[in-house]
Amino acid sequence: MDYFTLEGTELTVSRIALGCMGFGAGAQGHNPWALDEAAAESILRRAVELGVTF
């Protein structure tokens, strides 16, 4: 994984970011296409294993 420092800060993050808009409580009316916690967990876990920090 490649990392870079955000300009004007000392914060270093991965060049690849994981958006989480598709994760949530779809059954409660928020984004009915969203993945529930069980489905999202494997995606988040794999991203962390690969070094995604952003």
N, C-alpha and C. Protein backbone atom coordinates (compact mmCIF):
# COMPACT_ATOMS: atom_id res chain seq x y z
N MET A 1 0.85 -1.17 0.00
CA MET A 1 0.00 0.00 0.00
C MET A 1 0.89 1.24 0.00
N ASP A 2 0.54 2.20 -0.80
CA ASP A 2 1.23 3.48 -0.81
C ASP A 2 0.52 4.43 0.15
N TYR A 3 1.30 5.26 0.81
CA TYR A 3 0.77 6.23 1.76
C TYR A 3 1.30 7.61 1.40
N PHE A 4 0.58 8.64 1.81
CA PHE A 4 1.05 10.01 1.62
C PHE A 4 0.61 10.86 2.80
N THR A 5 1.29 11.99 2.97
CA THR A 5 0.97 12.91 4.06
C THR A 5 0.03 13.97 3.53
N LEU A 6 -1.08 14.18 4.23
CA LEU A 6 -2.03 15.20 3.81
C LEU A 6 -1.37 16.56 3.92
N GLU A 7 -1.53 17.33 2.87
CA GLU A 7 -0.87 18.63 2.80
C GLU A 7 -1.26 19.52 3.98
N GLY A 8 -0.26 20.12 4.58
CA GLY A 8 -0.49 21.03 5.69
C GLY A 8 -0.69 20.34 7.03
N THR A 9 -0.52 19.00 7.04
CA THR A 9 -0.69 18.25 8.29
C THR A 9 0.47 17.27 8.44
N GLU A 10 0.47 16.56 9.53
CA GLU A 10 1.43 15.48 9.73
C GLU A 10 0.73 14.12 9.62
N LEU A 11 -0.50 14.12 9.09
CA LEU A 11 -1.31 12.92 9.01
C LEU A 11 -0.96 12.12 7.75
N THR A 12 -0.58 10.87 7.92
CA THR A 12 -0.26 9.98 6.81
C THR A 12 -1.40 9.00 6.62
N VAL A 13 -1.89 8.90 5.39
CA VAL A 13 -3.02 8.02 5.07
C VAL A 13 -2.72 7.23 3.81
N SER A 14 -3.49 6.17 3.60
CA SER A 14 -3.33 5.36 2.39
C SER A 14 -3.82 6.13 1.17
N ARG A 15 -3.24 5.83 0.02
CA ARG A 15 -3.67 6.49 -1.22
C ARG A 15 -5.05 6.00 -1.64
N ILE A 16 -5.42 4.82 -1.20
CA ILE A 16 -6.74 4.27 -1.50
C ILE A 16 -7.64 4.51 -0.31
N ALA A 17 -8.83 5.05 -0.57
CA ALA A 17 -9.81 5.29 0.49
C ALA A 17 -10.98 4.34 0.31
N LEU A 18 -11.62 4.00 1.41
CA LEU A 18 -12.81 3.16 1.36
C LEU A 18 -14.01 4.00 1.77
N GLY A 19 -14.89 4.25 0.82
CA GLY A 19 -16.12 4.96 1.12
C GLY A 19 -17.11 4.02 1.79
N CYS A 20 -17.84 4.52 2.74
CA CYS A 20 -18.75 3.66 3.51
C CYS A 20 -20.22 4.04 3.35
N MET A 21 -20.54 4.81 2.31
CA MET A 21 -21.93 5.20 2.11
C MET A 21 -22.82 3.98 1.86
N GLY A 22 -22.24 2.91 1.34
CA GLY A 22 -23.01 1.70 1.05
C GLY A 22 -23.16 0.77 2.22
N PHE A 23 -22.74 1.21 3.39
CA PHE A 23 -22.88 0.40 4.60
C PHE A 23 -23.88 1.08 5.51
N GLY A 24 -24.76 0.32 6.10
CA GLY A 24 -25.71 0.93 7.03
C GLY A 24 -26.97 0.12 7.19
N ALA A 25 -27.94 0.73 7.81
CA ALA A 25 -29.20 0.07 8.13
C ALA A 25 -30.21 0.27 7.02
N GLY A 26 -30.04 -0.43 5.92
CA GLY A 26 -30.94 -0.30 4.79
C GLY A 26 -32.39 -0.63 5.13
N ALA A 27 -32.59 -1.57 6.01
CA ALA A 27 -33.95 -1.98 6.39
C ALA A 27 -34.69 -0.87 7.14
N GLN A 28 -33.97 0.10 7.67
CA GLN A 28 -34.60 1.19 8.42
C GLN A 28 -34.92 2.38 7.51
N GLY A 29 -34.86 2.19 6.21
CA GLY A 29 -35.23 3.24 5.28
C GLY A 29 -34.08 4.08 4.78
N HIS A 30 -32.89 3.90 5.31
CA HIS A 30 -31.73 4.66 4.85
C HIS A 30 -31.04 3.83 3.78
N ASN A 31 -31.00 4.33 2.57
CA ASN A 31 -30.34 3.63 1.47
C ASN A 31 -30.70 2.15 1.46
N PRO A 32 -31.84 1.79 0.90
CA PRO A 32 -32.29 0.40 0.92
C PRO A 32 -31.30 -0.56 0.26
N TRP A 33 -30.38 -0.05 -0.53
CA TRP A 33 -29.38 -0.88 -1.19
C TRP A 33 -28.15 -1.10 -0.33
N ALA A 34 -28.09 -0.47 0.84
CA ALA A 34 -26.91 -0.55 1.70
C ALA A 34 -26.74 -1.95 2.29
N LEU A 35 -25.47 -2.32 2.50
CA LEU A 35 -25.15 -3.60 3.13
C LEU A 35 -25.32 -3.49 4.64
N ASP A 36 -25.80 -4.56 5.25
CA ASP A 36 -25.91 -4.56 6.71
C ASP A 36 -24.54 -4.81 7.33
N GLU A 37 -24.49 -4.78 8.67
CA GLU A 37 -23.22 -4.91 9.38
C GLU A 37 -22.50 -6.21 9.05
N ALA A 38 -23.24 -7.30 9.01
CA ALA A 38 -22.62 -8.61 8.74
C ALA A 38 -21.98 -8.64 7.36
N ALA A 39 -22.66 -8.09 6.37
CA ALA A 39 -22.13 -8.08 5.00
C ALA A 39 -20.96 -7.12 4.85
N ALA A 40 -21.01 -6.00 5.56
CA ALA A 40 -19.97 -4.98 5.44
C ALA A 40 -18.69 -5.38 6.18
N GLU A 41 -18.82 -6.19 7.21
CA GLU A 41 -17.66 -6.52 8.05
C GLU A 41 -16.51 -7.13 7.26
N SER A 42 -16.80 -8.06 6.37
CA SER A 42 -15.72 -8.70 5.62
C SER A 42 -15.01 -7.72 4.70
N ILE A 43 -15.74 -6.77 4.16
CA ILE A 43 -15.15 -5.76 3.29
C ILE A 43 -14.23 -4.84 4.10
N LEU A 44 -14.71 -4.38 5.23
CA LEU A 44 -13.91 -3.51 6.09
C LEU A 44 -12.68 -4.24 6.62
N ARG A 45 -12.86 -5.48 7.04
CA ARG A 45 -11.74 -6.26 7.56
C ARG A 45 -10.65 -6.44 6.50
N ARG A 46 -11.06 -6.75 5.28
CA ARG A 46 -10.08 -6.95 4.20
C ARG A 46 -9.36 -5.65 3.87
N ALA A 47 -10.08 -4.54 3.86
CA ALA A 47 -9.45 -3.24 3.59
C ALA A 47 -8.37 -2.94 4.62
N VAL A 48 -8.65 -3.20 5.88
CA VAL A 48 -7.67 -2.96 6.94
C VAL A 48 -6.47 -3.90 6.75
N GLU A 49 -6.73 -5.16 6.44
CA GLU A 49 -5.64 -6.11 6.20
C GLU A 49 -4.72 -5.64 5.07
N LEU A 50 -5.29 -5.00 4.07
CA LEU A 50 -4.50 -4.51 2.93
C LEU A 50 -3.85 -3.16 3.18
N GLY A 51 -4.13 -2.55 4.35
CA GLY A 51 -3.47 -1.30 4.71
C GLY A 51 -4.25 -0.03 4.46
N VAL A 52 -5.53 -0.15 4.14
CA VAL A 52 -6.34 1.05 3.94
C VAL A 52 -6.55 1.74 5.27
N THR A 53 -6.22 3.02 5.32
CA THR A 53 -6.38 3.79 6.55
C THR A 53 -7.24 5.04 6.33
N PHE A 54 -7.78 5.20 5.14
CA PHE A 54 -8.51 6.42 4.79
C PHE A 54 -9.85 6.05 4.20
